[in-house]
């Protein structure tokens, strides 16, 4: 087991990866965003999309870009529970997001935006000294769909 200082450094590094995930997703900085994942990462957002889990950088980018390309979003996370090993960590992080699509671009019929909250369930691995997301599953406790305003 790593010493206490190294453990604290690892915990903070994992928290920073998740903070960058939110910022880079919301600002659509795709190169930085995808660099947070291992090349064979698995993303499971089946609750949102109905699609099965996807694997790899190209598929993850395609899915995420489809979801937010025509939207402004704000993802917030907090209260991470981190089960830390030497080179692998299992993390559950509370999340809330707001996604507002450009007029006519919402993938939800009759919707204009959503507010949701739930949890990210993730597995992180250390790759060449850096923590990366190897698996991500989003579970939602609640999603509120905001309708298109009536003219």
N, C-alpha and C. Protein backbone atom coordinates (compact mmCIF):
# COMPACT_ATOMS: atom_id res chain seq x y z
N UNK A 1 0.84 -1.19 0.00
CA UNK A 1 0.00 0.00 0.00
C UNK A 1 0.89 1.24 0.00
N UNK A 2 0.49 2.22 -0.76
CA UNK A 2 1.26 3.45 -0.86
C UNK A 2 1.19 4.22 0.46
N UNK A 3 2.18 5.06 0.74
CA UNK A 3 2.17 5.82 1.98
C UNK A 3 1.05 6.87 1.94
N UNK A 4 0.78 7.46 3.10
CA UNK A 4 -0.35 8.38 3.24
C UNK A 4 -0.27 9.58 2.31
N UNK A 5 0.92 10.16 2.15
CA UNK A 5 1.06 11.33 1.27
C UNK A 5 0.80 10.95 -0.19
N UNK A 6 1.36 9.83 -0.62
CA UNK A 6 1.13 9.38 -2.00
C UNK A 6 -0.35 9.09 -2.22
N UNK A 7 -1.00 8.53 -1.21
CA UNK A 7 -2.44 8.25 -1.30
C UNK A 7 -3.24 9.55 -1.48
N UNK A 8 -2.92 10.56 -0.69
CA UNK A 8 -3.61 11.85 -0.81
C UNK A 8 -3.37 12.49 -2.17
N UNK A 9 -2.16 12.38 -2.68
CA UNK A 9 -1.85 12.92 -4.01
C UNK A 9 -2.68 12.20 -5.07
N UNK A 10 -2.80 10.89 -4.96
CA UNK A 10 -3.61 10.12 -5.91
C UNK A 10 -5.08 10.49 -5.83
N UNK A 11 -5.61 10.63 -4.63
CA UNK A 11 -7.01 11.02 -4.47
C UNK A 11 -7.29 12.37 -5.13
N UNK A 12 -6.40 13.32 -4.91
CA UNK A 12 -6.58 14.65 -5.50
C UNK A 12 -6.42 14.59 -7.03
N UNK A 13 -5.52 13.78 -7.52
CA UNK A 13 -5.34 13.65 -8.97
C UNK A 13 -6.60 13.09 -9.62
N UNK A 14 -7.25 12.14 -8.99
CA UNK A 14 -8.49 11.58 -9.52
C UNK A 14 -9.59 12.63 -9.51
N UNK A 15 -9.68 13.39 -8.44
CA UNK A 15 -10.68 14.48 -8.39
C UNK A 15 -10.44 15.50 -9.50
N UNK A 16 -9.19 15.78 -9.78
CA UNK A 16 -8.86 16.75 -10.84
C UNK A 16 -9.25 16.22 -12.22
N UNK A 17 -9.10 14.93 -12.45
CA UNK A 17 -9.53 14.36 -13.73
C UNK A 17 -11.02 14.61 -13.91
N UNK A 18 -11.80 14.37 -12.86
CA UNK A 18 -13.25 14.56 -12.98
C UNK A 18 -13.60 16.03 -13.15
N UNK A 19 -12.90 16.92 -12.49
CA UNK A 19 -13.14 18.35 -12.68
C UNK A 19 -12.85 18.76 -14.12
N UNK A 20 -11.75 18.26 -14.67
CA UNK A 20 -11.42 18.56 -16.07
C UNK A 20 -12.47 17.97 -17.01
N UNK A 21 -12.94 16.78 -16.69
CA UNK A 21 -14.00 16.14 -17.49
C UNK A 21 -15.17 17.12 -17.66
N UNK A 22 -15.63 17.67 -16.56
CA UNK A 22 -16.78 18.60 -16.62
C UNK A 22 -16.44 19.84 -17.43
N UNK A 23 -15.33 20.46 -17.14
CA UNK A 23 -14.97 21.71 -17.84
C UNK A 23 -14.76 21.47 -19.33
N UNK A 24 -14.02 20.45 -19.68
CA UNK A 24 -13.71 20.20 -21.09
C UNK A 24 -14.94 19.76 -21.86
N UNK A 25 -15.84 19.03 -21.22
CA UNK A 25 -17.10 18.66 -21.85
C UNK A 25 -17.95 19.91 -22.11
N UNK A 26 -18.08 20.75 -21.11
CA UNK A 26 -18.93 21.94 -21.25
C UNK A 26 -18.36 22.97 -22.21
N UNK A 27 -17.04 23.03 -22.32
CA UNK A 27 -16.41 23.99 -23.25
C UNK A 27 -16.11 23.36 -24.61
N UNK A 28 -16.43 22.08 -24.74
CA UNK A 28 -16.27 21.35 -26.00
C UNK A 28 -14.82 21.32 -26.49
N UNK A 29 -13.90 21.18 -25.56
CA UNK A 29 -12.48 21.03 -25.89
C UNK A 29 -12.20 19.53 -26.03
N UNK A 30 -12.51 19.02 -27.21
CA UNK A 30 -12.57 17.58 -27.43
C UNK A 30 -11.23 16.87 -27.28
N UNK A 31 -10.14 17.47 -27.72
CA UNK A 31 -8.83 16.80 -27.59
C UNK A 31 -8.48 16.59 -26.12
N UNK A 32 -8.66 17.62 -25.32
CA UNK A 32 -8.39 17.50 -23.90
C UNK A 32 -9.35 16.55 -23.21
N UNK A 33 -10.61 16.61 -23.61
CA UNK A 33 -11.63 15.74 -23.03
C UNK A 33 -11.29 14.27 -23.25
N UNK A 34 -11.04 13.88 -24.48
CA UNK A 34 -10.82 12.46 -24.77
C UNK A 34 -9.49 11.97 -24.19
N UNK A 35 -8.54 12.88 -23.97
CA UNK A 35 -7.27 12.49 -23.37
C UNK A 35 -7.43 12.04 -21.91
N UNK A 36 -8.58 12.31 -21.31
CA UNK A 36 -8.84 11.88 -19.94
C UNK A 36 -9.17 10.39 -19.85
N UNK A 37 -9.41 9.76 -21.00
CA UNK A 37 -9.83 8.36 -21.06
C UNK A 37 -8.70 7.48 -21.57
N UNK A 38 -8.70 6.22 -21.13
CA UNK A 38 -7.80 5.24 -21.74
C UNK A 38 -8.30 4.98 -23.16
N UNK A 39 -7.42 4.51 -24.02
CA UNK A 39 -7.82 4.29 -25.42
C UNK A 39 -8.90 3.22 -25.56
N UNK A 40 -9.01 2.31 -24.59
CA UNK A 40 -10.02 1.26 -24.65
C UNK A 40 -11.14 1.48 -23.62
N UNK A 41 -11.33 2.72 -23.21
CA UNK A 41 -12.34 3.03 -22.20
C UNK A 41 -13.73 2.61 -22.66
N UNK A 42 -14.56 2.28 -21.68
CA UNK A 42 -15.96 1.91 -21.93
C UNK A 42 -16.84 2.98 -21.30
N UNK A 43 -17.81 3.49 -22.09
CA UNK A 43 -18.77 4.48 -21.59
C UNK A 43 -20.17 3.88 -21.69
N UNK A 44 -20.89 3.93 -20.57
CA UNK A 44 -22.25 3.41 -20.52
C UNK A 44 -23.19 4.54 -20.12
N UNK A 45 -23.87 5.09 -21.10
CA UNK A 45 -24.89 6.13 -20.85
C UNK A 45 -26.24 5.61 -21.37
N UNK A 46 -26.44 4.32 -21.20
CA UNK A 46 -27.63 3.65 -21.71
C UNK A 46 -28.91 4.28 -21.17
N UNK A 47 -28.91 4.74 -19.92
CA UNK A 47 -30.10 5.36 -19.35
C UNK A 47 -30.52 6.60 -20.15
N UNK A 48 -29.56 7.34 -20.66
CA UNK A 48 -29.85 8.56 -21.43
C UNK A 48 -30.17 8.25 -22.89
N UNK A 49 -29.44 7.32 -23.47
CA UNK A 49 -29.50 7.14 -24.92
C UNK A 49 -30.29 5.91 -25.36
N UNK A 50 -30.39 4.91 -24.49
CA UNK A 50 -30.99 3.64 -24.89
C UNK A 50 -30.02 2.77 -25.65
N UNK A 51 -28.82 3.28 -25.94
CA UNK A 51 -27.81 2.53 -26.68
C UNK A 51 -26.95 1.71 -25.73
N UNK A 52 -26.41 0.59 -26.19
CA UNK A 52 -25.53 -0.21 -25.33
C UNK A 52 -24.22 0.53 -25.05
N UNK A 53 -23.45 0.07 -24.07
CA UNK A 53 -22.15 0.69 -23.78
C UNK A 53 -21.27 0.72 -25.03
N UNK A 54 -20.41 1.73 -25.10
CA UNK A 54 -19.51 1.91 -26.23
C UNK A 54 -18.07 1.87 -25.74
N UNK A 55 -17.15 1.56 -26.66
CA UNK A 55 -15.75 1.39 -26.30
C UNK A 55 -14.86 2.19 -27.24
N UNK A 56 -13.85 2.84 -26.66
CA UNK A 56 -12.81 3.51 -27.44
C UNK A 56 -13.07 4.99 -27.67
N UNK A 57 -11.97 5.67 -27.95
CA UNK A 57 -12.01 7.13 -28.12
C UNK A 57 -13.00 7.58 -29.19
N UNK A 58 -12.96 6.97 -30.37
CA UNK A 58 -13.80 7.43 -31.47
C UNK A 58 -15.28 7.32 -31.11
N UNK A 59 -15.69 6.19 -30.55
CA UNK A 59 -17.10 5.99 -30.20
C UNK A 59 -17.53 6.92 -29.07
N UNK A 60 -16.67 7.12 -28.09
CA UNK A 60 -17.00 8.01 -26.97
C UNK A 60 -17.17 9.44 -27.48
N UNK A 61 -16.23 9.89 -28.29
CA UNK A 61 -16.35 11.26 -28.83
C UNK A 61 -17.61 11.42 -29.67
N UNK A 62 -17.91 10.45 -30.50
CA UNK A 62 -19.11 10.53 -31.34
C UNK A 62 -20.36 10.66 -30.46
N UNK A 63 -20.46 9.84 -29.42
CA UNK A 63 -21.62 9.86 -28.54
C UNK A 63 -21.75 11.18 -27.80
N UNK A 64 -20.65 11.63 -27.21
CA UNK A 64 -20.68 12.85 -26.41
C UNK A 64 -20.94 14.07 -27.29
N UNK A 65 -20.27 14.13 -28.41
CA UNK A 65 -20.49 15.27 -29.31
C UNK A 65 -21.93 15.31 -29.80
N UNK A 66 -22.50 14.16 -30.14
CA UNK A 66 -23.90 14.11 -30.55
C UNK A 66 -24.81 14.70 -29.47
N UNK A 67 -24.52 14.37 -28.20
CA UNK A 67 -25.37 14.78 -27.09
C UNK A 67 -25.32 16.29 -26.83
N UNK A 68 -24.15 16.92 -27.01
CA UNK A 68 -24.02 18.32 -26.58
C UNK A 68 -23.55 19.29 -27.66
N UNK A 69 -23.32 18.81 -28.87
CA UNK A 69 -22.77 19.69 -29.89
C UNK A 69 -23.65 20.93 -30.14
N UNK A 70 -24.95 20.76 -30.13
CA UNK A 70 -25.86 21.88 -30.38
C UNK A 70 -26.48 22.38 -29.09
N UNK A 71 -25.71 22.31 -28.00
CA UNK A 71 -26.23 22.68 -26.70
C UNK A 71 -25.19 23.44 -25.88
N UNK A 72 -25.69 24.17 -24.92
CA UNK A 72 -24.85 24.72 -23.86
C UNK A 72 -25.11 23.84 -22.64
N UNK A 73 -24.05 23.47 -21.95
CA UNK A 73 -24.22 22.57 -20.82
C UNK A 73 -23.39 23.03 -19.63
N UNK A 74 -23.84 22.60 -18.46
CA UNK A 74 -23.09 22.82 -17.22
C UNK A 74 -23.17 21.54 -16.41
N UNK A 75 -22.04 20.87 -16.27
CA UNK A 75 -21.95 19.64 -15.47
C UNK A 75 -21.24 19.98 -14.17
N UNK A 76 -21.83 19.57 -13.07
CA UNK A 76 -21.23 19.79 -11.76
C UNK A 76 -21.16 18.47 -11.02
N UNK A 77 -20.04 18.24 -10.35
CA UNK A 77 -19.84 17.01 -9.59
C UNK A 77 -19.34 17.35 -8.19
N UNK A 78 -19.61 16.43 -7.28
CA UNK A 78 -19.15 16.63 -5.91
C UNK A 78 -19.25 15.32 -5.14
N UNK A 79 -18.66 15.31 -3.98
CA UNK A 79 -18.79 14.20 -3.02
C UNK A 79 -18.33 12.86 -3.58
N UNK A 80 -17.16 12.83 -4.18
CA UNK A 80 -16.63 11.58 -4.73
C UNK A 80 -16.28 10.60 -3.61
N UNK A 81 -16.73 9.37 -3.78
CA UNK A 81 -16.32 8.26 -2.92
C UNK A 81 -15.28 7.48 -3.72
N UNK A 82 -14.06 7.42 -3.23
CA UNK A 82 -12.96 6.84 -3.99
C UNK A 82 -12.39 5.64 -3.23
N UNK A 83 -12.49 4.48 -3.85
CA UNK A 83 -11.89 3.25 -3.33
C UNK A 83 -10.58 3.08 -4.09
N UNK A 84 -9.49 3.42 -3.45
CA UNK A 84 -8.19 3.56 -4.13
C UNK A 84 -7.30 2.35 -3.90
N UNK A 85 -6.81 1.79 -5.01
CA UNK A 85 -5.77 0.78 -4.96
C UNK A 85 -4.48 1.40 -5.44
N UNK A 86 -3.46 0.59 -5.69
CA UNK A 86 -2.18 1.14 -6.13
C UNK A 86 -2.26 1.77 -7.51
N UNK A 87 -2.89 1.09 -8.46
CA UNK A 87 -2.95 1.60 -9.83
C UNK A 87 -4.36 1.56 -10.41
N UNK A 88 -5.35 1.38 -9.56
CA UNK A 88 -6.75 1.34 -10.00
C UNK A 88 -7.61 1.92 -8.89
N UNK A 89 -8.67 2.61 -9.28
CA UNK A 89 -9.60 3.19 -8.31
C UNK A 89 -11.02 3.01 -8.83
N UNK A 90 -11.92 2.77 -7.90
CA UNK A 90 -13.34 2.71 -8.21
C UNK A 90 -13.98 3.92 -7.53
N UNK A 91 -14.73 4.70 -8.33
CA UNK A 91 -15.20 6.00 -7.86
C UNK A 91 -16.68 6.15 -8.15
N UNK A 92 -17.42 6.66 -7.16
CA UNK A 92 -18.81 7.05 -7.35
C UNK A 92 -18.88 8.54 -7.01
N UNK A 93 -19.37 9.33 -7.97
CA UNK A 93 -19.40 10.77 -7.82
C UNK A 93 -20.80 11.29 -8.11
N UNK A 94 -21.33 12.09 -7.20
CA UNK A 94 -22.64 12.72 -7.41
C UNK A 94 -22.50 13.77 -8.51
N UNK A 95 -23.57 13.89 -9.33
CA UNK A 95 -23.53 14.83 -10.44
C UNK A 95 -24.87 15.53 -10.62
N UNK A 96 -24.80 16.72 -11.23
CA UNK A 96 -25.98 17.43 -11.71
C UNK A 96 -25.59 18.07 -13.02
N UNK A 97 -26.50 18.05 -13.97
CA UNK A 97 -26.23 18.73 -15.23
C UNK A 97 -27.45 19.49 -15.71
N UNK A 98 -27.15 20.52 -16.47
CA UNK A 98 -28.16 21.32 -17.17
C UNK A 98 -27.70 21.35 -18.61
N UNK A 99 -28.58 20.97 -19.53
CA UNK A 99 -28.26 20.98 -20.95
C UNK A 99 -29.37 21.74 -21.66
N UNK A 100 -28.98 22.80 -22.39
CA UNK A 100 -29.93 23.64 -23.11
C UNK A 100 -29.56 23.59 -24.59
N UNK A 101 -30.44 23.00 -25.39
CA UNK A 101 -30.17 22.85 -26.81
C UNK A 101 -30.60 24.09 -27.59
N UNK A 102 -29.93 24.31 -28.72
CA UNK A 102 -30.35 25.35 -29.65
C UNK A 102 -31.76 25.01 -30.12
N UNK A 103 -32.55 26.01 -30.50
CA UNK A 103 -33.93 25.75 -30.94
C UNK A 103 -34.00 24.66 -32.01
N UNK A 104 -34.87 23.69 -31.77
CA UNK A 104 -35.07 22.60 -32.71
C UNK A 104 -34.03 21.49 -32.67
N UNK A 105 -33.04 21.57 -31.79
CA UNK A 105 -31.96 20.59 -31.76
C UNK A 105 -32.05 19.57 -30.62
N UNK A 106 -33.00 19.74 -29.72
CA UNK A 106 -33.12 18.81 -28.59
C UNK A 106 -33.52 17.43 -29.11
N UNK A 107 -32.82 16.38 -28.69
CA UNK A 107 -33.15 15.03 -29.14
C UNK A 107 -34.41 14.47 -28.48
N UNK A 108 -34.97 15.18 -27.52
CA UNK A 108 -36.18 14.74 -26.82
C UNK A 108 -37.37 15.47 -27.46
N UNK A 109 -38.29 14.75 -28.05
CA UNK A 109 -39.43 15.41 -28.70
C UNK A 109 -40.15 16.38 -27.77
N UNK A 110 -40.32 17.62 -28.23
CA UNK A 110 -40.99 18.65 -27.46
C UNK A 110 -40.13 19.31 -26.40
N UNK A 111 -38.89 18.84 -26.24
CA UNK A 111 -38.02 19.38 -25.21
C UNK A 111 -37.15 20.50 -25.72
N UNK A 112 -36.70 21.32 -24.79
CA UNK A 112 -35.74 22.39 -25.09
C UNK A 112 -34.48 22.24 -24.26
N UNK A 113 -34.64 21.69 -23.03
CA UNK A 113 -33.50 21.52 -22.14
C UNK A 113 -33.84 20.47 -21.10
N UNK A 114 -32.80 20.05 -20.38
CA UNK A 114 -32.98 19.13 -19.26
C UNK A 114 -32.17 19.60 -18.06
N UNK A 115 -32.65 19.22 -16.91
CA UNK A 115 -31.89 19.30 -15.67
C UNK A 115 -31.93 17.90 -15.08
N UNK A 116 -30.79 17.36 -14.76
CA UNK A 116 -30.77 16.02 -14.21
C UNK A 116 -29.76 15.88 -13.10
N UNK A 117 -29.92 14.83 -12.31
CA UNK A 117 -28.91 14.52 -11.32
C UNK A 117 -28.87 13.04 -11.06
N UNK A 118 -27.71 12.60 -10.62
CA UNK A 118 -27.49 11.18 -10.37
C UNK A 118 -26.05 10.95 -9.98
N UNK A 119 -25.44 9.88 -10.54
CA UNK A 119 -24.07 9.51 -10.16
C UNK A 119 -23.28 8.99 -11.36
N UNK A 120 -22.00 9.30 -11.34
CA UNK A 120 -21.04 8.65 -12.22
C UNK A 120 -20.43 7.50 -11.43
N UNK A 121 -20.42 6.32 -12.03
CA UNK A 121 -19.73 5.15 -11.46
C UNK A 121 -18.56 4.88 -12.39
N UNK A 122 -17.34 5.02 -11.88
CA UNK A 122 -16.17 4.97 -12.76
C UNK A 122 -15.07 4.08 -12.21
N UNK A 123 -14.28 3.61 -13.16
CA UNK A 123 -13.04 2.91 -12.82
C UNK A 123 -11.91 3.72 -13.45
N UNK A 124 -10.95 4.08 -12.64
CA UNK A 124 -9.76 4.82 -13.09
C UNK A 124 -8.57 3.87 -13.03
N UNK A 125 -7.65 4.06 -13.95
CA UNK A 125 -6.38 3.33 -13.91
C UNK A 125 -5.24 4.31 -14.10
N UNK A 126 -4.10 3.92 -13.54
CA UNK A 126 -2.90 4.75 -13.71
C UNK A 126 -2.20 4.29 -14.98
N UNK A 127 -2.00 5.24 -15.91
CA UNK A 127 -1.34 4.95 -17.19
C UNK A 127 -0.13 5.88 -17.29
N UNK A 128 1.04 5.29 -17.30
CA UNK A 128 2.29 6.07 -17.37
C UNK A 128 2.29 7.22 -16.36
N UNK A 129 1.87 6.91 -15.13
CA UNK A 129 1.89 7.87 -14.04
C UNK A 129 0.68 8.78 -13.95
N UNK A 130 -0.23 8.74 -14.93
CA UNK A 130 -1.42 9.61 -14.91
C UNK A 130 -2.68 8.78 -14.72
N UNK A 131 -3.61 9.31 -13.94
CA UNK A 131 -4.90 8.66 -13.76
C UNK A 131 -5.79 8.97 -14.95
N UNK A 132 -6.44 7.92 -15.47
CA UNK A 132 -7.35 8.07 -16.60
C UNK A 132 -8.63 7.27 -16.34
N UNK A 133 -9.69 7.67 -16.99
CA UNK A 133 -10.97 6.98 -16.87
C UNK A 133 -10.94 5.76 -17.80
N UNK A 134 -11.13 4.58 -17.21
CA UNK A 134 -11.16 3.35 -17.99
C UNK A 134 -12.59 2.87 -18.22
N UNK A 135 -13.49 3.24 -17.34
CA UNK A 135 -14.90 2.88 -17.49
C UNK A 135 -15.75 3.93 -16.80
N UNK A 136 -16.85 4.29 -17.45
CA UNK A 136 -17.77 5.30 -16.90
C UNK A 136 -19.19 4.83 -17.16
N UNK A 137 -19.99 4.84 -16.11
CA UNK A 137 -21.42 4.57 -16.24
C UNK A 137 -22.17 5.70 -15.55
N UNK A 138 -23.11 6.29 -16.27
CA UNK A 138 -23.94 7.35 -15.71
C UNK A 138 -25.27 6.75 -15.28
N UNK A 139 -25.63 6.94 -14.02
CA UNK A 139 -26.96 6.55 -13.54
C UNK A 139 -27.65 7.82 -13.07
N UNK A 140 -28.88 7.94 -13.44
CA UNK A 140 -29.64 9.14 -13.08
C UNK A 140 -30.72 8.80 -12.05
N UNK A 141 -30.87 9.70 -11.10
CA UNK A 141 -31.94 9.58 -10.13
C UNK A 141 -33.18 10.34 -10.61
N UNK A 142 -32.94 11.38 -11.41
CA UNK A 142 -34.04 12.24 -11.85
C UNK A 142 -33.59 13.05 -13.06
N UNK A 143 -34.48 13.18 -14.02
CA UNK A 143 -34.26 14.08 -15.15
C UNK A 143 -35.56 14.85 -15.37
N UNK A 144 -35.45 16.14 -15.40
CA UNK A 144 -36.59 17.01 -15.70
C UNK A 144 -36.40 17.56 -17.10
N UNK A 145 -37.36 17.29 -17.97
CA UNK A 145 -37.34 17.82 -19.33
C UNK A 145 -38.12 19.12 -19.34
N UNK A 146 -37.48 20.17 -19.81
CA UNK A 146 -38.13 21.48 -19.91
C UNK A 146 -38.65 21.62 -21.34
N UNK A 147 -39.93 21.89 -21.50
CA UNK A 147 -40.50 21.95 -22.84
C UNK A 147 -40.10 23.21 -23.59
N UNK A 148 -40.32 23.15 -24.90
CA UNK A 148 -40.13 24.33 -25.75
C UNK A 148 -41.13 25.38 -25.29
N UNK A 149 -40.68 26.61 -25.05
CA UNK A 149 -41.63 27.65 -24.61
C UNK A 149 -42.72 27.88 -25.65
N UNK A 150 -43.92 28.13 -25.18
CA UNK A 150 -45.04 28.43 -26.06
C UNK A 150 -44.92 29.88 -26.51
N UNK A 151 -45.06 30.09 -27.81
CA UNK A 151 -44.91 31.45 -28.36
C UNK A 151 -46.11 32.31 -28.05
